[in-house]
Amino acid sequence: MKYSMIARTSRNEDAKLFGKMNHEITLRTTGYGFLSAVCRIGGILGSLTFGSFIGISRAIPMVTTAGVLVVGAFAALKLPETKDVLM
């Protein structure tokens, strides 16, 4: 049996193996297909939105991008520390 990933604790005492067969193949392919479709729709909507923003003013896309990055940075700072936690 092949394993896709090996996760170890910080002390390398215990190894927990995660196999590919955690979920059925139909569930994995459905999830992958759904997320692929959502990403494609997001790419199309993002291109259309930023294209219309550039038509109004060139500063609006830069400010919008900076705002999204700042919100993402603050959200990442609020995440709990998982350095020594086995997940």
PDB file of N, CA and C in Angstrom:
ATOM      1  N   MET A   1       0.850  -1.179   0.000  1.00  0.00           N
ATOM      2  CA  MET A   1       0.000   0.000   0.000  1.00  0.00           C
ATOM      3  C   MET A   1       0.893   1.238   0.000  1.00  0.00           C
ATOM      4  N   LYS A   2       0.632   2.155  -0.896  1.00  0.00           N
ATOM      5  CA  LYS A   2       1.425   3.370  -0.984  1.00  0.00           C
ATOM      6  C   LYS A   2       0.756   4.492  -0.201  1.00  0.00           C
ATOM      7  N   TYR A   3       1.569   5.346   0.384  1.00  0.00           N
ATOM      8  CA  TYR A   3       1.059   6.472   1.147  1.00  0.00           C
ATOM      9  C   TYR A   3       1.465   7.764   0.464  1.00  0.00           C
ATOM     10  N   SER A   4       0.571   8.746   0.531  1.00  0.00           N
ATOM     11  CA  SER A   4       0.821   9.993  -0.184  1.00  0.00           C
ATOM     12  C   SER A   4       1.616  10.984   0.651  1.00  0.00           C
ATOM     13  N   MET A   5       1.575  10.911   1.981  1.00  0.00           N
ATOM     14  CA  MET A   5       2.237  11.909   2.799  1.00  0.00           C
ATOM     15  C   MET A   5       2.585  11.293   4.150  1.00  0.00           C
ATOM     16  N   ILE A   6       3.717  11.682   4.682  1.00  0.00           N
ATOM     17  CA  ILE A   6       4.107  11.249   6.016  1.00  0.00           C
ATOM     18  C   ILE A   6       4.250  12.503   6.865  1.00  0.00           C
ATOM     19  N   ALA A   7       3.503  12.566   7.957  1.00  0.00           N
ATOM     20  CA  ALA A   7       3.590  13.696   8.879  1.00  0.00           C
ATOM     21  C   ALA A   7       4.265  13.212  10.148  1.00  0.00           C
ATOM     22  N   ARG A   8       5.237  13.941  10.622  1.00  0.00           N
ATOM     23  CA  ARG A   8       5.965  13.547  11.822  1.00  0.00           C
ATOM     24  C   ARG A   8       5.861  14.635  12.875  1.00  0.00           C
ATOM     25  N   THR A   9       6.009  14.225  14.112  1.00  0.00           N
ATOM     26  CA  THR A   9       6.022  15.201  15.184  1.00  0.00           C
ATOM     27  C   THR A   9       7.349  15.942  15.158  1.00  0.00           C
ATOM     28  N   SER A  10       7.451  17.000  15.950  1.00  0.00           N
ATOM     29  CA  SER A  10       8.673  17.794  15.951  1.00  0.00           C
ATOM     30  C   SER A  10       9.861  16.995  16.472  1.00  0.00           C
ATOM     31  N   ARG A  11       9.622  15.982  17.304  1.00  0.00           N
ATOM     32  CA  ARG A  11      10.716  15.188  17.865  1.00  0.00           C
ATOM     33  C   ARG A  11      11.009  13.946  17.038  1.00  0.00           C
ATOM     34  N   ASN A  12      10.257  13.729  15.972  1.00  0.00           N
ATOM     35  CA  ASN A  12      10.413  12.564  15.092  1.00  0.00           C
ATOM     36  C   ASN A  12      10.271  11.245  15.844  1.00  0.00           C
ATOM     37  N   GLU A  13       9.462  11.213  16.911  1.00  0.00           N
ATOM     38  CA  GLU A  13       9.232   9.973  17.647  1.00  0.00           C
ATOM     39  C   GLU A  13       8.182   9.125  16.956  1.00  0.00           C
ATOM     40  N   ASP A  14       7.090   9.769  16.660  1.00  0.00           N
ATOM     41  CA  ASP A  14       5.952   9.047  16.094  1.00  0.00           C
ATOM     42  C   ASP A  14       5.742   9.487  14.662  1.00  0.00           C
ATOM     43  N   ALA A  15       5.323   8.586  13.854  1.00  0.00           N
ATOM     44  CA  ALA A  15       4.971   8.927  12.481  1.00  0.00           C
ATOM     45  C   ALA A  15       3.520   8.520  12.263  1.00  0.00           C
ATOM     46  N   LYS A  16       2.775   9.436  11.694  1.00  0.00           N
ATOM     47  CA  LYS A  16       1.379   9.144  11.390  1.00  0.00           C
ATOM     48  C   LYS A  16       1.240   9.168   9.874  1.00  0.00           C
ATOM     49  N   LEU A  17       0.749   8.116   9.317  1.00  0.00           N
ATOM     50  CA  LEU A  17       0.679   8.004   7.869  1.00  0.00           C
ATOM     51  C   LEU A  17      -0.732   8.340   7.395  1.00  0.00           C
ATOM     52  N   PHE A  18      -0.789   9.186   6.396  1.00  0.00           N
ATOM     53  CA  PHE A  18      -2.062   9.553   5.786  1.00  0.00           C
ATOM     54  C   PHE A  18      -2.092   8.961   4.387  1.00  0.00           C
ATOM     55  N   GLY A  19      -3.008   8.083   4.143  1.00  0.00           N
ATOM     56  CA  GLY A  19      -3.099   7.462   2.836  1.00  0.00           C
ATOM     57  C   GLY A  19      -4.017   8.218   1.909  1.00  0.00           C
ATOM     58  N   LYS A  20      -3.972   7.843   0.674  1.00  0.00           N
ATOM     59  CA  LYS A  20      -4.844   8.466  -0.324  1.00  0.00           C
ATOM     60  C   LYS A  20      -6.295   8.042  -0.135  1.00  0.00           C
ATOM     61  N   MET A  21      -6.509   6.965   0.554  1.00  0.00           N
ATOM     62  CA  MET A  21      -7.848   6.407   0.654  1.00  0.00           C
ATOM     63  C   MET A  21      -8.613   6.890   1.877  1.00  0.00           C
ATOM     64  N   ASN A  22      -8.427   8.130   2.285  1.00  0.00           N
ATOM     65  CA  ASN A  22      -9.218   8.661   3.385  1.00  0.00           C
ATOM     66  C   ASN A  22     -10.659   8.889   2.971  1.00  0.00           C
ATOM     67  N   HIS A  23     -10.882   9.158   1.703  1.00  0.00           N
ATOM     68  CA  HIS A  23     -12.231   9.386   1.173  1.00  0.00           C
ATOM     69  C   HIS A  23     -12.395   8.577  -0.101  1.00  0.00           C
ATOM     70  N   GLU A  24     -13.646   8.301  -0.442  1.00  0.00           N
ATOM     71  CA  GLU A  24     -13.929   7.555  -1.665  1.00  0.00           C
ATOM     72  C   GLU A  24     -13.495   8.347  -2.881  1.00  0.00           C
ATOM     73  N   ILE A  25     -13.205   7.644  -3.959  1.00  0.00           N
ATOM     74  CA  ILE A  25     -12.741   8.323  -5.167  1.00  0.00           C
ATOM     75  C   ILE A  25     -13.836   9.198  -5.773  1.00  0.00           C
ATOM     76  N   THR A  26     -15.097   8.791  -5.646  1.00  0.00           N
ATOM     77  CA  THR A  26     -16.175   9.612  -6.198  1.00  0.00           C
ATOM     78  C   THR A  26     -16.291  10.936  -5.448  1.00  0.00           C
ATOM     79  N   LEU A  27     -16.092  10.899  -4.148  1.00  0.00           N
ATOM     80  CA  LEU A  27     -16.148  12.124  -3.348  1.00  0.00           C
ATOM     81  C   LEU A  27     -14.966  13.041  -3.677  1.00  0.00           C
ATOM     82  N   ARG A  28     -13.776  12.467  -3.832  1.00  0.00           N
ATOM     83  CA  ARG A  28     -12.596  13.277  -4.154  1.00  0.00           C
ATOM     84  C   ARG A  28     -12.715  13.917  -5.537  1.00  0.00           C
ATOM     85  N   THR A  29     -13.185  13.173  -6.520  1.00  0.00           N
ATOM     86  CA  THR A  29     -13.287  13.734  -7.864  1.00  0.00           C
ATOM     87  C   THR A  29     -14.395  14.774  -7.957  1.00  0.00           C
ATOM     88  N   THR A  30     -15.487  14.573  -7.224  1.00  0.00           N
ATOM     89  CA  THR A  30     -16.559  15.573  -7.205  1.00  0.00           C
ATOM     90  C   THR A  30     -16.071  16.867  -6.578  1.00  0.00           C
ATOM     91  N   GLY A  31     -15.360  16.772  -5.468  1.00  0.00           N
ATOM     92  CA  GLY A  31     -14.810  17.959  -4.815  1.00  0.00           C
ATOM     93  C   GLY A  31     -13.811  18.678  -5.701  1.00  0.00           C
ATOM     94  N   TYR A  32     -12.946  17.926  -6.358  1.00  0.00           N
ATOM     95  CA  TYR A  32     -11.964  18.534  -7.250  1.00  0.00           C
ATOM     96  C   TYR A  32     -12.652  19.236  -8.422  1.00  0.00           C
ATOM     97  N   GLY A  33     -13.655  18.616  -9.000  1.00  0.00           N
ATOM     98  CA  GLY A  33     -14.372  19.219 -10.114  1.00  0.00           C
ATOM     99  C   GLY A  33     -15.106  20.482  -9.714  1.00  0.00           C
ATOM    100  N   PHE A  34     -15.736  20.450  -8.540  1.00  0.00           N
ATOM    101  CA  PHE A  34     -16.453  21.625  -8.050  1.00  0.00           C
ATOM    102  C   PHE A  34     -15.495  22.790  -7.806  1.00  0.00           C
ATOM    103  N   LEU A  35     -14.380  22.521  -7.128  1.00  0.00           N
ATOM    104  CA  LEU A  35     -13.422  23.589  -6.857  1.00  0.00           C
ATOM    105  C   LEU A  35     -12.754  24.099  -8.128  1.00  0.00           C
ATOM    106  N   SER A  36     -12.540  23.232  -9.084  1.00  0.00           N
ATOM    107  CA  SER A  36     -11.984  23.665 -10.363  1.00  0.00           C
ATOM    108  C   SER A  36     -12.947  24.621 -11.068  1.00  0.00           C
ATOM    109  N   ALA A  37     -14.240  24.307 -11.053  1.00  0.00           N
ATOM    110  CA  ALA A  37     -15.239  25.181 -11.672  1.00  0.00           C
ATOM    111  C   ALA A  37     -15.326  26.523 -10.957  1.00  0.00           C
ATOM    112  N   VAL A  38     -15.292  26.511  -9.611  1.00  0.00           N
ATOM    113  CA  VAL A  38     -15.352  27.753  -8.846  1.00  0.00           C
ATOM    114  C   VAL A  38     -14.132  28.631  -9.162  1.00  0.00           C
ATOM    115  N   CYS A  39     -12.959  28.020  -9.264  1.00  0.00           N
ATOM    116  CA  CYS A  39     -11.753  28.792  -9.579  1.00  0.00           C
ATOM    117  C   CYS A  39     -11.829  29.406 -10.968  1.00  0.00           C
ATOM    118  N   ARG A  40     -12.351  28.680 -11.918  1.00  0.00           N
ATOM    119  CA  ARG A  40     -12.475  29.228 -13.277  1.00  0.00           C
ATOM    120  C   ARG A  40     -13.470  30.389 -13.316  1.00  0.00           C
ATOM    121  N   ILE A  41     -14.586  30.239 -12.629  1.00  0.00           N
ATOM    122  CA  ILE A  41     -15.574  31.322 -12.578  1.00  0.00           C
ATOM    123  C   ILE A  41     -14.982  32.542 -11.877  1.00  0.00           C
ATOM    124  N   GLY A  42     -14.234  32.323 -10.794  1.00  0.00           N
ATOM    125  CA  GLY A  42     -13.573  33.421 -10.100  1.00  0.00           C
ATOM    126  C   GLY A  42     -12.566  34.131 -10.978  1.00  0.00           C
ATOM    127  N   GLY A  43     -11.838  33.393 -11.783  1.00  0.00           N
ATOM    128  CA  GLY A  43     -10.886  34.007 -12.711  1.00  0.00           C
ATOM    129  C   GLY A  43     -11.571  34.863 -13.760  1.00  0.00           C
ATOM    130  N   ILE A  44     -12.687  34.379 -14.271  1.00  0.00           N
ATOM    131  CA  ILE A  44     -13.435  35.153 -15.270  1.00  0.00           C
ATOM    132  C   ILE A  44     -14.015  36.414 -14.646  1.00  0.00           C
ATOM    133  N   LEU A  45     -14.643  36.268 -13.475  1.00  0.00           N
ATOM    134  CA  LEU A  45     -15.230  37.438 -12.819  1.00  0.00           C
ATOM    135  C   LEU A  45     -14.168  38.446 -12.393  1.00  0.00           C
ATOM    136  N   GLY A  46     -13.018  37.963 -11.944  1.00  0.00           N
ATOM    137  CA  GLY A  46     -11.933  38.869 -11.573  1.00  0.00           C
ATOM    138  C   GLY A  46     -11.416  39.657 -12.756  1.00  0.00           C
ATOM    139  N   SER A  47     -11.264  39.002 -13.897  1.00  0.00           N
ATOM    140  CA  SER A  47     -10.800  39.699 -15.096  1.00  0.00           C
ATOM    141  C   SER A  47     -11.811  40.747 -15.556  1.00  0.00           C
ATOM    142  N   LEU A  48     -13.075  40.397 -15.528  1.00  0.00           N
ATOM    143  CA  LEU A  48     -14.109  41.353 -15.940  1.00  0.00           C
ATOM    144  C   LEU A  48     -14.192  42.540 -14.981  1.00  0.00           C
ATOM    145  N   THR A  49     -14.121  42.254 -13.681  1.00  0.00           N
ATOM    146  CA  THR A  49     -14.227  43.312 -12.678  1.00  0.00           C
ATOM    147  C   THR A  49     -13.051  44.272 -12.773  1.00  0.00           C
ATOM    148  N   PHE A  50     -11.840  43.732 -12.821  1.00  0.00           N
ATOM    149  CA  PHE A  50     -10.677  44.611 -12.884  1.00  0.00           C
ATOM    150  C   PHE A  50     -10.592  45.346 -14.216  1.00  0.00           C
ATOM    151  N   GLY A  51     -11.093  44.721 -15.279  1.00  0.00           N
ATOM    152  CA  GLY A  51     -11.144  45.416 -16.560  1.00  0.00           C
ATOM    153  C   GLY A  51     -12.064  46.625 -16.516  1.00  0.00           C
ATOM    154  N   SER A  52     -13.204  46.475 -15.848  1.00  0.00           N
ATOM    155  CA  SER A  52     -14.111  47.614 -15.722  1.00  0.00           C
ATOM    156  C   SER A  52     -13.552  48.670 -14.771  1.00  0.00           C
ATOM    157  N   PHE A  53     -12.802  48.246 -13.735  1.00  0.00           N
ATOM    158  CA  PHE A  53     -12.160  49.206 -12.826  1.00  0.00           C
ATOM    159  C   PHE A  53     -11.112  50.033 -13.555  1.00  0.00           C
ATOM    160  N   ILE A  54     -10.342  49.409 -14.426  1.00  0.00           N
ATOM    161  CA  ILE A  54      -9.313  50.140 -15.164  1.00  0.00           C
ATOM    162  C   ILE A  54      -9.960  51.164 -16.084  1.00  0.00           C
ATOM    163  N   GLY A  55     -11.136  50.830 -16.604  1.00  0.00           N
ATOM    164  CA  GLY A  55     -11.848  51.783 -17.447  1.00  0.00           C
ATOM    165  C   GLY A  55     -12.256  53.030 -16.679  1.00  0.00           C
ATOM    166  N   ILE A  56     -12.514  52.906 -15.397  1.00  0.00           N
ATOM    167  CA  ILE A  56     -12.907  54.054 -14.572  1.00  0.00           C
ATOM    168  C   ILE A  56     -11.677  54.830 -14.128  1.00  0.00           C
ATOM    169  N   SER A  57     -10.767  54.149 -13.461  1.00  0.00           N
ATOM    170  CA  SER A  57      -9.551  54.775 -12.944  1.00  0.00           C
ATOM    171  C   SER A  57      -8.505  53.688 -12.736  1.00  0.00           C
ATOM    172  N   ARG A  58      -7.260  54.000 -12.983  1.00  0.00           N
ATOM    173  CA  ARG A  58      -6.218  52.989 -12.823  1.00  0.00           C
ATOM    174  C   ARG A  58      -5.819  52.787 -11.366  1.00  0.00           C
ATOM    175  N   ALA A  59      -6.189  53.682 -10.506  1.00  0.00           N
ATOM    176  CA  ALA A  59      -5.835  53.548  -9.092  1.00  0.00           C
ATOM    177  C   ALA A  59      -6.762  52.573  -8.369  1.00  0.00           C
ATOM    178  N   ILE A  60      -7.990  52.412  -8.851  1.00  0.00           N
ATOM    179  CA  ILE A  60      -8.963  51.546  -8.167  1.00  0.00           C
ATOM    180  C   ILE A  60      -8.486  50.093  -8.101  1.00  0.00           C
ATOM    181  N   PRO A  61      -7.984  49.486  -9.180  1.00  0.00           N
ATOM    182  CA  PRO A  61      -7.503  48.106  -9.050  1.00  0.00           C
ATOM    183  C   PRO A  61      -6.328  47.967  -8.085  1.00  0.00           C
ATOM    184  N   MET A  62      -5.437  48.949  -8.052  1.00  0.00           N
ATOM    185  CA  MET A  62      -4.294  48.878  -7.133  1.00  0.00           C
ATOM    186  C   MET A  62      -4.758  48.974  -5.683  1.00  0.00           C
ATOM    187  N   VAL A  63      -5.687  49.865  -5.405  1.00  0.00           N
ATOM    188  CA  VAL A  63      -6.199  50.013  -4.041  1.00  0.00           C
ATOM    189  C   VAL A  63      -6.996  48.777  -3.636  1.00  0.00           C
ATOM    190  N   THR A  64      -7.774  48.227  -4.538  1.00  0.00           N
ATOM    191  CA  THR A  64      -8.542  47.013  -4.246  1.00  0.00           C
ATOM    192  C   THR A  64      -7.612  45.843  -3.953  1.00  0.00           C
ATOM    193  N   THR A  65      -6.585  45.674  -4.765  1.00  0.00           N
ATOM    194  CA  THR A  65      -5.626  44.594  -4.545  1.00  0.00           C
ATOM    195  C   THR A  65      -4.907  44.767  -3.212  1.00  0.00           C
ATOM    196  N   ALA A  66      -4.490  45.985  -2.908  1.00  0.00           N
ATOM    197  CA  ALA A  66      -3.821  46.241  -1.633  1.00  0.00           C
ATOM    198  C   ALA A  66      -4.746  45.945  -0.465  1.00  0.00           C
ATOM    199  N   GLY A  67      -6.013  46.313  -0.582  1.00  0.00           N
ATOM    200  CA  GLY A  67      -6.981  46.043   0.477  1.00  0.00           C
ATOM    201  C   GLY A  67      -7.172  44.550   0.710  1.00  0.00           C
ATOM    202  N   VAL A  68      -7.276  43.791  -0.366  1.00  0.00           N
ATOM    203  CA  VAL A  68      -7.440  42.341  -0.235  1.00  0.00           C
ATOM    204  C   VAL A  68      -6.209  41.726   0.418  1.00  0.00           C
ATOM    205  N   LEU A  69      -5.018  42.177   0.031  1.00  0.00           N
ATOM    206  CA  LEU A  69      -3.792  41.651   0.628  1.00  0.00           C
ATOM    207  C   LEU A  69      -3.677  41.999   2.111  1.00  0.00           C
ATOM    208  N   VAL A  70      -4.102  43.200   2.494  1.00  0.00           N
ATOM    209  CA  VAL A  70      -4.049  43.595   3.904  1.00  0.00           C
ATOM    210  C   VAL A  70      -5.040  42.768   4.724  1.00  0.00           C
ATOM    211  N   VAL A  71      -6.233  42.555   4.200  1.00  0.00           N
ATOM    212  CA  VAL A  71      -7.216  41.726   4.903  1.00  0.00           C
ATOM    213  C   VAL A  71      -6.686  40.299   5.058  1.00  0.00           C
ATOM    214  N   GLY A  72      -6.074  39.757   4.020  1.00  0.00           N
ATOM    215  CA  GLY A  72      -5.489  38.423   4.105  1.00  0.00           C
ATOM    216  C   GLY A  72      -4.357  38.341   5.110  1.00  0.00           C
ATOM    217  N   ALA A  73      -3.542  39.397   5.186  1.00  0.00           N
ATOM    218  CA  ALA A  73      -2.439  39.421   6.152  1.00  0.00           C
ATOM    219  C   ALA A  73      -2.966  39.433   7.583  1.00  0.00           C
ATOM    220  N   PHE A  74      -3.977  40.242   7.847  1.00  0.00           N
ATOM    221  CA  PHE A  74      -4.546  40.281   9.201  1.00  0.00           C
ATOM    222  C   PHE A  74      -5.242  38.966   9.542  1.00  0.00           C
ATOM    223  N   ALA A  75      -5.885  38.356   8.577  1.00  0.00           N
ATOM    224  CA  ALA A  75      -6.522  37.056   8.826  1.00  0.00           C
ATOM    225  C   ALA A  75      -5.463  36.000   9.144  1.00  0.00           C
ATOM    226  N   ALA A  76      -4.321  36.038   8.443  1.00  0.00           N
ATOM    227  CA  ALA A  76      -3.248  35.081   8.711  1.00  0.00           C
ATOM    228  C   ALA A  76      -2.644  35.299  10.095  1.00  0.00           C
ATOM    229  N   LEU A  77      -2.583  36.534  10.548  1.00  0.00           N
ATOM    230  CA  LEU A  77      -2.049  36.806  11.878  1.00  0.00           C
ATOM    231  C   LEU A  77      -2.971  36.299  12.980  1.00  0.00           C
ATOM    232  N   LYS A  78      -4.248  36.173  12.698  1.00  0.00           N
ATOM    233  CA  LYS A  78      -5.222  35.701  13.693  1.00  0.00           C
ATOM    234  C   LYS A  78      -5.262  34.175  13.797  1.00  0.00           C
ATOM    235  N   LEU A  79      -4.614  33.468  12.875  1.00  0.00           N
ATOM    236  CA  LEU A  79      -4.614  32.018  12.930  1.00  0.00           C
ATOM    237  C   LEU A  79      -3.802  31.526  14.115  1.00  0.00           C
ATOM    238  N   PRO A  80      -4.204  30.419  14.716  1.00  0.00           N
ATOM    239  CA  PRO A  80      -3.447  29.898  15.862  1.00  0.00           C
ATOM    240  C   PRO A  80      -2.103  29.298  15.410  1.00  0.00           C
ATOM    241  N   GLU A  81      -1.149  29.301  16.313  1.00  0.00           N
ATOM    242  CA  GLU A  81       0.170  28.732  16.042  1.00  0.00           C
ATOM    243  C   GLU A  81       0.070  27.200  16.055  1.00  0.00           C
ATOM    244  N   THR A  82       0.610  26.548  15.040  1.00  0.00           N
ATOM    245  CA  THR A  82       0.557  25.085  14.949  1.00  0.00           C
ATOM    246  C   THR A  82       1.949  24.494  14.804  1.00  0.00           C
ATOM    247  N   LYS A  83       2.962  25.183  15.311  1.00  0.00           N
ATOM    248  CA  LYS A  83       4.343  24.733  15.131  1.00  0.00           C
ATOM    249  C   LYS A  83       4.596  23.370  15.768  1.00  0.00           C
ATOM    250  N   ASP A  84       4.177  23.158  16.993  1.00  0.00           N
ATOM    251  CA  ASP A  84       4.444  21.903  17.700  1.00  0.00           C
ATOM    252  C   ASP A  84       3.189  21.069  17.887  1.00  0.00           C
ATOM    253  N   VAL A  85       2.204  21.255  17.034  1.00  0.00           N
ATOM    254  CA  VAL A  85       0.937  20.535  17.152  1.00  0.00           C
ATOM    255  C   VAL A  85       0.850  19.503  16.041  1.00  0.00           C
ATOM    256  N   LEU A  86       0.589  18.273  16.401  1.00  0.00           N
ATOM    257  CA  LEU A  86       0.391  17.220  15.416  1.00  0.00           C
ATOM    258  C   LEU A  86      -1.055  17.282  14.943  1.00  0.00           C
ATOM    259  N   MET A  87      -1.231  17.477  13.678  1.00  0.00           N
ATOM    260  CA  MET A  87      -2.581  17.612  13.142  1.00  0.00           C
ATOM    261  C   MET A  87      -3.013  16.346  12.443  1.00  0.00           C
TER     262      MET A  87
END
